[in-house]
Amino acid sequence: MTITLRAMTADDWQQWRPVRLAALADAPDAFGSRLADWSDAPEDRWRTRLSIPGALDLVAYDGEHAVGMASGVPGEGDHAELISMWVAPAARGRGVADALVDAVARWAVETGAAVLELAVMPDNARARRTYTRLGFADSDVPGDALPDGRYEVVMHRALAGLPGSPRASRLVDVLAGLVHPGAHVLELGSGAGRDALALEAAGFRVDRTDGARTFVDELRADGHGARVLDVRTGVFGGPFDAVFATGLLRHVRRAELRGVLRRALVAVRPGGVLAVTVQRIDDALAADVAAAGWDDVVVRAASDDGSFTITARRTEDAG
């Protein structure tokens, strides 16, 4: 088999459509969409799906026969997401998945991402084995809720070993303008450790944490102190001068968000700072930050990637 990957644009919707429909028909429980949702979709809907800003949409071909597909889309903070992954049954085990994931991973590095993330159904054992073989590991943070009460499994792959090391988040520069050099920073969701290195280069002391033991083990192997921390239930420790997180809040369900923000508040000393990034913002999210006890809440648009930064300060005794 000779595999060729072709990038799709909105003008290629007629080539992408039958592959997407074949995927939905073959694996109806593997995707967030259903075949019935797309089988009669008009042209403009297909074009819109292939016009996600900054995304990469690929179809794998063996000769002129489409045998698989995958997309990469920008995520929050230093994460990119692998979505719409599918390989035709007759082509499985022949290197198609490897080629698609490798291409999306390299695209993710070019966008500045440090972590490639995906979500998979908990009972899709074959897919989970494939992703594990390709360098992904389960995160301890649950994915979206399923109708039966279970949750999708979120998996991460560190991208630090690929050519073209990603740049640090601009949130590092934001934090540098809010706290003094030498400040002690608790990083939530350290991932591959890119931002922690940038924070240390800026003169901060960093307490690295992550919900995924695989990342913590990698950080320790590189000689860094790191600990596993589930932000929903774990002990943050402290007191710190700042709590720093890029992209972590997207994994926290809204009902649990104030509790996490309150834990962060208690972890910093009076005058301490919260600095986080989010992909989308609404009035309720900023209100949640304030309701958790934070003051001086400021929301800024990050011009480089369309995300937003939220900063806040603890001005009173958290009790």
Protein backbone atom coordinates (compact mmCIF):
# COMPACT_ATOMS: atom_id res chain seq x y z
CA MET A 1 0.00 0.00 0.00
CA THR A 2 1.26 3.46 -0.95
CA ILE A 3 -0.37 6.09 1.24
CA THR A 4 -0.81 9.65 0.04
CA LEU A 5 -2.23 12.36 2.28
CA ARG A 6 -4.17 15.22 0.74
CA ALA A 7 -5.14 18.36 2.62
CA MET A 8 -8.76 19.35 2.08
CA THR A 9 -10.16 22.85 1.76
CA ALA A 10 -13.74 24.08 1.55
CA ASP A 11 -13.53 23.67 -2.22
CA ASP A 12 -12.80 19.96 -1.74
CA TRP A 13 -16.03 19.29 0.13
CA GLN A 14 -17.29 16.86 -2.53
CA GLN A 15 -14.18 14.69 -2.06
CA TRP A 16 -14.34 14.91 1.75
CA ARG A 17 -18.09 14.23 2.01
CA PRO A 18 -18.15 10.51 1.04
CA VAL A 19 -15.21 9.76 3.33
CA ARG A 20 -16.89 11.46 6.26
CA LEU A 21 -20.18 9.67 5.59
CA ALA A 22 -18.36 6.33 5.33
CA ALA A 23 -16.73 6.99 8.69
CA LEU A 24 -20.04 7.83 10.35
CA ALA A 25 -21.67 4.74 8.87
CA ASP A 26 -18.83 2.43 9.88
CA ALA A 27 -18.35 3.75 13.43
CA PRO A 28 -21.59 5.42 14.54
CA ASP A 29 -20.57 5.48 18.22
CA ALA A 30 -17.06 6.86 17.69
CA PHE A 31 -17.94 10.43 16.75
CA GLY A 32 -19.89 13.29 18.21
CA SER A 33 -21.99 13.44 15.04
CA ARG A 34 -24.34 10.86 13.56
CA LEU A 35 -24.81 9.78 9.96
CA ALA A 36 -28.35 11.18 10.01
CA ASP A 37 -26.94 14.56 11.00
CA TRP A 38 -24.86 14.81 7.83
CA SER A 39 -26.34 12.59 5.13
CA ASP A 40 -28.57 15.36 3.75
CA ALA A 41 -26.42 18.31 4.79
CA PRO A 42 -26.29 21.14 2.23
CA GLU A 43 -23.12 22.30 0.55
CA ASP A 44 -22.64 25.30 2.83
CA ARG A 45 -22.52 23.08 5.92
CA TRP A 46 -19.78 20.93 4.40
CA ARG A 47 -17.85 24.03 3.41
CA THR A 48 -18.20 25.45 6.92
CA ARG A 49 -16.83 22.24 8.47
CA LEU A 50 -13.79 22.49 6.20
CA SER A 51 -13.24 26.15 7.07
CA ILE A 52 -12.35 25.94 10.78
CA PRO A 53 -9.72 28.68 11.30
CA GLY A 54 -6.22 27.27 11.56
CA ALA A 55 -7.32 23.65 11.11
CA LEU A 56 -5.84 20.85 9.01
CA ASP A 57 -8.19 18.37 7.32
CA LEU A 58 -6.58 15.31 5.73
CA VAL A 59 -7.77 12.40 3.63
CA ALA A 60 -5.51 9.36 3.14
CA TYR A 61 -5.52 7.74 -0.29
CA ASP A 62 -4.25 4.42 -1.61
CA GLY A 63 -4.03 5.30 -5.27
CA GLU A 64 -7.37 6.98 -5.95
CA HIS A 65 -9.20 5.18 -3.15
CA ALA A 66 -9.82 7.09 0.08
CA VAL A 67 -8.83 4.88 3.03
CA GLY A 68 -8.87 7.24 6.01
CA MET A 69 -9.20 10.73 7.37
CA ALA A 70 -8.15 12.92 10.29
CA SER A 71 -8.28 16.56 11.30
CA GLY A 72 -6.22 18.76 13.56
CA VAL A 73 -7.80 21.81 15.16
CA PRO A 74 -6.34 24.43 17.49
CA GLY A 75 -7.03 23.77 21.17
CA GLU A 76 -6.62 25.84 24.29
CA GLY A 77 -3.28 27.07 25.54
CA ASP A 78 -0.48 24.82 24.27
CA HIS A 79 -2.82 22.04 23.12
CA ALA A 80 -3.93 21.04 19.63
CA GLU A 81 -6.68 18.47 19.06
CA LEU A 82 -6.88 15.40 16.83
CA ILE A 83 -10.48 14.89 15.70
CA SER A 84 -12.47 13.04 13.01
CA MET A 85 -9.92 10.21 12.95
CA TRP A 86 -10.98 7.16 10.95
CA VAL A 87 -9.39 4.38 8.89
CA ALA A 88 -11.40 2.20 6.51
CA PRO A 89 -11.73 -1.39 7.80
CA ALA A 90 -9.86 -2.91 4.84
CA ALA A 91 -6.90 -0.56 5.41
CA ARG A 92 -6.48 -1.03 9.16
CA GLY A 93 -3.12 -2.33 10.34
CA ARG A 94 -1.37 -1.08 7.20
CA GLY A 95 0.14 2.17 8.40
CA VAL A 96 -2.69 4.57 7.57
CA ALA A 97 -3.32 5.61 11.17
CA ASP A 98 0.41 6.14 11.70
CA ALA A 99 0.66 8.41 8.67
CA LEU A 100 -2.39 10.47 9.61
CA VAL A 101 -1.41 10.93 13.26
CA ASP A 102 2.18 11.77 12.34
CA ALA A 103 1.01 14.43 9.89
CA VAL A 104 -1.36 16.00 12.41
CA ALA A 105 1.35 15.93 15.08
CA ARG A 106 3.78 17.76 12.82
CA TRP A 107 1.11 20.31 11.93
CA ALA A 108 0.49 20.80 15.66
CA VAL A 109 4.17 21.51 16.27
CA GLU A 110 4.15 24.08 13.47
CA THR A 111 1.24 25.86 15.15
CA GLY A 112 3.21 26.12 18.40
CA ALA A 113 1.41 23.35 20.29
CA ALA A 114 3.26 21.27 22.89
CA VAL A 115 0.55 18.63 23.39
CA LEU A 116 -1.70 16.80 20.95
CA GLU A 117 -4.99 15.78 22.53
CA LEU A 118 -7.84 13.51 21.50
CA ALA A 119 -11.00 12.05 23.01
CA VAL A 120 -12.04 8.44 22.49
CA MET A 121 -14.96 6.33 23.63
CA PRO A 122 -14.07 4.37 26.79
CA ASP A 123 -15.04 1.02 25.25
CA ASN A 124 -13.18 1.53 21.95
CA ALA A 125 -10.32 -0.76 22.95
CA ARG A 126 -8.83 -1.04 19.47
CA ALA A 127 -8.58 2.71 19.00
CA ARG A 128 -7.10 3.17 22.46
CA ARG A 129 -4.44 0.53 21.74
CA THR A 130 -3.58 2.27 18.49
CA TYR A 131 -3.29 5.66 20.13
CA THR A 132 -1.17 4.23 22.94
CA ARG A 133 1.18 2.69 20.38
CA LEU A 134 1.43 6.09 18.69
CA GLY A 135 2.56 7.82 21.85
CA PHE A 136 -0.69 8.89 23.53
CA ALA A 137 -1.48 8.26 27.17
CA ASP A 138 -4.68 8.52 29.17
CA SER A 139 -5.22 11.77 31.03
CA ASP A 140 -6.77 11.68 34.47
CA VAL A 141 -9.16 14.46 33.40
CA PRO A 142 -12.51 13.20 32.03
CA GLY A 143 -13.78 14.17 28.61
CA ASP A 144 -17.33 15.07 27.63
CA ALA A 145 -20.22 13.31 29.33
CA LEU A 146 -21.93 10.51 27.40
CA PRO A 147 -25.69 9.78 27.48
CA ASP A 148 -25.16 6.67 29.63
CA GLY A 149 -23.34 8.61 32.36
CA ARG A 150 -19.82 7.62 31.33
CA TYR A 151 -17.22 10.06 30.02
CA GLU A 152 -15.00 10.13 26.97
CA VAL A 153 -11.38 9.23 27.64
CA VAL A 154 -9.01 12.14 26.98
CA MET A 155 -5.54 11.11 25.76
CA HIS A 156 -2.44 13.29 25.37
CA ARG A 157 0.75 13.04 23.37
CA ALA A 158 3.71 15.28 24.16
CA LEU A 159 5.18 16.92 21.06
CA ALA A 160 8.47 18.10 22.57
CA GLY A 161 10.52 15.43 20.79
CA LEU A 162 9.41 16.45 17.29
CA PRO A 163 11.40 18.90 15.14
CA GLY A 164 10.45 22.52 15.54
CA SER A 165 10.07 23.09 19.27
CA PRO A 166 6.96 25.13 20.05
CA ARG A 167 7.19 28.56 21.61
CA ALA A 168 6.05 29.27 25.12
CA SER A 169 2.58 30.63 25.82
CA ARG A 170 2.22 34.41 25.86
CA LEU A 171 0.61 33.96 29.24
CA VAL A 172 4.17 33.78 30.59
CA ASP A 173 4.70 37.39 29.52
CA VAL A 174 1.35 38.38 31.03
CA LEU A 175 2.31 36.85 34.37
CA ALA A 176 5.73 38.53 34.29
CA GLY A 177 3.97 41.87 34.29
CA LEU A 178 1.96 41.00 37.40
CA VAL A 179 4.38 39.39 39.88
CA HIS A 180 7.94 40.01 40.97
CA PRO A 181 11.00 38.04 39.77
CA GLY A 182 11.64 35.09 42.04
CA ALA A 183 7.91 34.58 42.65
CA HIS A 184 6.77 31.03 43.46
CA VAL A 185 4.34 29.83 40.77
CA LEU A 186 2.03 26.81 40.89
CA GLU A 187 1.55 25.54 37.33
CA LEU A 188 -1.61 23.50 36.79
CA GLY A 189 -1.42 21.18 33.79
CA SER A 190 2.32 21.39 33.06
CA GLY A 191 2.06 18.86 30.22
CA ALA A 192 5.37 18.49 28.40
CA GLY A 193 6.89 21.32 30.45
CA ARG A 194 7.34 24.01 27.80
CA ASP A 195 5.80 26.85 29.80
CA ALA A 196 7.53 25.83 33.04
CA LEU A 197 10.89 26.26 31.34
CA ALA A 198 9.84 29.70 30.09
CA LEU A 199 8.62 30.65 33.57
CA GLU A 200 11.95 29.61 35.06
CA ALA A 201 13.81 31.53 32.36
CA ALA A 202 11.79 34.58 33.46
CA GLY A 203 13.10 34.14 36.99
CA PHE A 204 10.20 32.32 38.66
CA ARG A 205 10.28 29.23 40.87
CA VAL A 206 7.81 26.70 39.44
CA ASP A 207 5.88 23.89 41.11
CA ARG A 208 5.05 21.60 38.17
CA THR A 209 1.81 19.56 38.34
CA ASP A 210 -0.32 17.59 35.91
CA GLY A 211 -3.33 15.31 36.08
CA ALA A 212 -1.62 12.75 33.81
CA ARG A 213 1.01 10.59 35.50
CA THR A 214 2.75 10.02 32.16
CA PHE A 215 3.61 13.71 31.89
CA VAL A 216 4.73 13.82 35.52
CA ASP A 217 6.99 10.79 34.94
CA GLU A 218 8.49 12.46 31.85
CA LEU A 219 9.14 15.69 33.75
CA ARG A 220 10.81 13.77 36.57
CA ALA A 221 12.92 11.82 34.07
CA ASP A 222 14.13 15.17 32.73
CA GLY A 223 15.25 16.12 36.23
CA HIS A 224 12.34 18.35 37.27
CA GLY A 225 10.31 18.14 40.43
CA ALA A 226 6.70 17.36 39.51
CA ARG A 227 3.61 15.87 41.12
CA VAL A 228 0.29 14.43 40.03
CA LEU A 229 -2.56 16.80 40.86
CA ASP A 230 -6.25 16.40 40.07
CA VAL A 231 -7.39 20.02 40.25
CA ARG A 232 -10.91 18.97 41.22
CA THR A 233 -9.97 17.03 44.35
CA GLY A 234 -6.24 17.34 45.03
CA VAL A 235 -4.33 19.49 47.50
CA PHE A 236 -2.82 22.52 45.77
CA GLY A 237 -0.42 23.31 48.60
CA GLY A 238 1.11 26.75 48.98
CA PRO A 239 1.10 29.53 49.70
CA PHE A 240 2.16 30.56 46.20
CA ASP A 241 2.55 33.94 44.59
CA ALA A 242 0.63 32.88 41.50
CA VAL A 243 -1.39 30.05 39.96
CA PHE A 244 -0.72 29.61 36.23
CA ALA A 245 -2.67 27.41 33.77
CA THR A 246 -2.84 27.30 29.98
CA GLY A 247 -5.81 25.39 28.59
CA LEU A 248 -6.60 23.42 31.73
CA LEU A 249 -10.04 24.89 32.44
CA ARG A 250 -11.53 23.33 29.31
CA HIS A 251 -11.29 19.96 31.07
CA VAL A 252 -13.20 21.14 34.13
CA ARG A 253 -16.97 20.78 34.02
CA ARG A 254 -18.80 24.03 34.64
CA ALA A 255 -20.40 22.68 37.83
CA GLU A 256 -16.90 22.06 39.25
CA LEU A 257 -15.29 25.27 38.01
CA ARG A 258 -15.91 27.50 41.02
CA GLY A 259 -14.51 24.83 43.31
CA VAL A 260 -11.28 24.69 41.28
CA LEU A 261 -11.04 28.49 41.22
CA ARG A 262 -11.61 28.58 44.98
CA ARG A 263 -8.85 26.01 45.51
CA ALA A 264 -6.54 28.23 43.49
CA LEU A 265 -7.53 31.24 45.60
CA VAL A 266 -6.74 29.47 48.86
CA ALA A 267 -3.38 28.34 47.42
CA VAL A 268 -2.05 31.89 46.92
CA ARG A 269 -1.00 34.39 49.56
CA PRO A 270 -2.84 37.75 49.83
CA GLY A 271 -1.82 39.75 46.78
CA GLY A 272 -1.34 36.53 44.81
CA VAL A 273 -2.34 36.25 41.16
CA LEU A 274 -4.37 33.90 38.95
CA ALA A 275 -3.35 33.70 35.27
CA VAL A 276 -5.16 31.31 32.93
CA THR A 277 -6.02 30.97 29.25
CA VAL A 278 -9.35 29.89 27.78
CA GLN A 279 -10.45 29.33 24.20
CA ARG A 280 -13.86 30.96 24.62
CA ILE A 281 -15.11 33.56 27.04
CA ASP A 282 -18.54 34.57 28.29
CA ASP A 283 -19.88 36.80 31.04
CA ALA A 284 -20.69 33.78 33.22
CA LEU A 285 -17.06 32.59 33.19
CA ALA A 286 -15.71 35.94 34.37
CA ALA A 287 -18.49 35.98 36.99
CA ASP A 288 -17.41 32.52 38.19
CA VAL A 289 -13.89 33.82 38.78
CA ALA A 290 -15.23 36.71 40.84
CA ALA A 291 -17.71 34.49 42.70
CA ALA A 292 -14.84 32.22 43.77
CA GLY A 293 -13.40 35.18 45.68
CA TRP A 294 -10.95 36.67 43.17
CA ASP A 295 -10.75 40.44 42.68
CA ASP A 296 -9.46 42.64 39.86
CA VAL A 297 -10.68 40.17 37.21
CA VAL A 298 -9.40 41.16 33.76
CA VAL A 299 -10.17 39.41 30.46
CA ARG A 300 -7.87 40.04 27.49
CA ALA A 301 -7.95 38.77 23.93
CA ALA A 302 -4.73 37.02 22.91
CA SER A 303 -4.08 38.36 19.43
CA ASP A 304 -1.83 35.51 18.32
CA ASP A 305 -4.24 32.57 18.47
CA GLY A 306 -7.75 33.81 19.17
CA SER A 307 -7.75 32.65 22.79
CA PHE A 308 -8.31 34.77 25.89
CA THR A 309 -6.38 35.33 29.09
CA ILE A 310 -8.01 35.83 32.47
CA THR A 311 -6.05 37.38 35.30
CA ALA A 312 -7.23 38.11 38.83
CA ARG A 313 -5.78 38.90 42.23
CA ARG A 314 -6.50 37.82 45.79
CA THR A 315 -6.83 40.99 47.84
CA GLU A 316 -8.43 39.66 51.02
CA ASP A 317 -7.93 36.77 53.40
CA ALA A 318 -9.57 33.74 51.73
CA GLY A 319 -10.60 32.34 55.15
